Protein backbone atom coordinates (compact mmCIF):
# COMPACT_ATOMS: atom_id res chain seq x y z
CA MET A 1 0.00 0.00 0.00
CA ILE A 2 1.14 3.54 -0.79
CA ILE A 3 -0.14 6.73 0.82
CA TYR A 4 -0.02 9.83 -1.35
CA GLU A 5 -0.68 12.98 0.63
CA VAL A 6 -1.41 16.34 -0.96
CA ASN A 7 -1.49 19.29 1.42
CA CYS A 8 -3.09 22.56 0.37
CA LEU A 9 -2.78 25.92 2.09
CA VAL A 10 -5.40 28.30 0.70
CA GLU A 11 -6.32 31.93 1.25
CA ALA A 12 -9.52 32.48 3.20
CA SER A 13 -11.12 34.25 0.23
CA ILE A 14 -11.15 31.04 -1.83
CA GLU A 15 -11.71 28.49 0.93
CA ARG A 16 -15.28 27.54 0.00
CA PRO A 17 -14.83 27.28 -3.81
CA PHE A 18 -11.50 25.54 -3.31
CA LEU A 19 -12.99 22.90 -1.03
CA THR A 20 -15.85 22.29 -3.49
CA TRP A 21 -13.32 21.86 -6.32
CA LEU A 22 -11.04 19.70 -4.15
CA LYS A 23 -13.83 17.23 -3.42
CA GLU A 24 -14.59 16.90 -7.14
CA HIS A 25 -10.87 16.63 -7.93
CA ALA A 26 -10.31 13.84 -5.38
CA THR A 27 -13.41 12.01 -6.60
CA GLN A 28 -12.04 12.10 -10.14
CA ILE A 29 -8.64 10.78 -9.06
CA VAL A 30 -10.10 7.88 -7.06
CA THR A 31 -11.67 6.53 -10.27
CA LEU A 32 -8.18 5.91 -11.68
CA GLU A 33 -6.75 2.41 -11.66
CA GLY A 34 -4.90 1.55 -8.47
CA PHE A 35 -6.50 4.22 -6.28
CA GLU A 36 -8.52 2.74 -3.43
CA LYS A 37 -9.88 5.76 -1.57
CA ALA A 38 -9.27 9.35 -0.55
CA SER A 39 -10.07 11.40 2.52
CA ILE A 40 -9.99 15.17 2.91
CA SER A 41 -9.11 16.60 6.31
CA LEU A 42 -8.66 20.02 7.83
CA ILE A 43 -5.02 20.60 8.81
CA LYS A 44 -5.06 21.69 12.45
CA LEU A 45 -1.31 21.84 13.08
CA ASP A 46 1.48 22.21 10.53
CA ASP A 47 4.68 24.24 10.68
CA ARG A 48 3.92 25.64 7.22
CA LEU A 49 0.69 27.18 8.54
CA ASP A 50 2.81 29.25 10.92
CA GLU A 51 4.44 30.80 7.84
CA HIS A 52 1.03 31.34 6.20
CA SER A 53 -1.18 32.27 9.15
CA GLU A 54 -3.76 33.86 6.83
CA ARG A 55 -4.38 30.54 5.11
CA THR A 56 -6.43 27.43 5.88
CA GLY A 57 -4.92 23.99 5.35
CA PHE A 58 -6.54 20.92 3.83
CA SER A 59 -4.94 17.52 3.41
CA VAL A 60 -6.00 14.89 0.90
CA THR A 61 -4.82 11.39 1.75
CA TYR A 62 -5.02 8.92 -1.12
CA ARG A 63 -4.52 5.21 -0.59
CA LEU A 64 -3.15 3.31 -3.56
CA GLU A 65 -2.60 -0.38 -4.24
CA ASN A 66 1.10 0.00 -5.06
CA GLN A 67 3.91 2.22 -6.29
CA ALA A 68 3.20 1.36 -9.93
CA ALA A 69 -0.27 2.94 -9.61
CA LEU A 70 1.24 6.13 -8.21
CA ASP A 71 3.94 6.21 -10.88
CA ASN A 72 1.27 5.87 -13.57
CA TYR A 73 -0.78 8.68 -12.05
CA LEU A 74 2.22 11.00 -11.76
CA LYS A 75 3.24 10.37 -15.36
CA GLU A 76 -0.11 10.19 -17.15
CA TYR A 77 -2.57 12.32 -15.16
CA ALA A 78 -0.93 14.58 -12.58
CA PRO A 79 0.43 17.27 -14.94
CA THR A 80 -3.01 18.01 -16.44
CA LEU A 81 -4.87 17.83 -13.13
CA ARG A 82 -2.33 20.06 -11.39
CA GLU A 83 -2.57 22.61 -14.19
CA ASP A 84 -6.34 22.78 -13.68
CA GLY A 85 -5.86 23.73 -10.02
CA LEU A 86 -3.25 26.34 -10.90
CA LYS A 87 -5.49 27.92 -13.52
CA ARG A 88 -8.37 28.15 -11.05
CA PHE A 89 -6.56 29.30 -7.93
CA GLY A 90 -3.02 30.36 -8.91
CA THR A 91 -0.98 31.95 -6.14
CA GLN A 92 -3.91 31.85 -3.71
CA MET A 93 -2.82 28.33 -2.78
CA THR A 94 0.38 26.58 -1.80
CA ILE A 95 0.65 22.83 -2.38
CA TYR A 96 3.14 20.32 -1.02
CA ARG A 97 3.10 16.55 -1.30
CA ARG A 98 4.38 13.48 0.54
CA VAL A 99 4.50 9.81 -0.40
CA LEU A 100 4.57 7.19 2.35
CA GLY A 101 5.00 3.44 2.12
CA GLY A 102 2.66 1.22 4.06
CA ALA A 103 2.98 1.07 7.83
CA LEU A 104 6.08 -0.75 9.01
CA PHE A 105 4.29 -1.79 12.17
CA GLU A 106 1.28 -0.77 14.18
CA VAL A 107 1.09 -0.18 17.91
CA ARG A 108 -2.25 -0.27 19.69
CA ARG A 109 -3.29 0.50 23.21
CA SER A 110 -3.88 -2.57 25.31
CA THR A 111 -7.55 -3.26 26.11
CA GLN A 112 -6.93 -5.12 29.37
């Protein structure tokens, strides 16, 4: 499993239209081969928000079957989809991404 995380810091003036677009954007991406699901969350704490205190942060977490699915997305689809976001929102948003491999191990609280 691969986790592809896209973090978006947006100006307050575009927050509502951006979030509407982001939901549609994520829905479109999840239809691509190898994508399993996506979730959109509000970023509550991030060092980059300290630098952009006038912005609101959203994080999209995509779960993919494998690295090949992500590589295909990045090569075949990402350039066009990213361009769409830039045309709509330009400098009113800052985007940064992370890619994580599946969990190495999981620790849970004991239920004794």
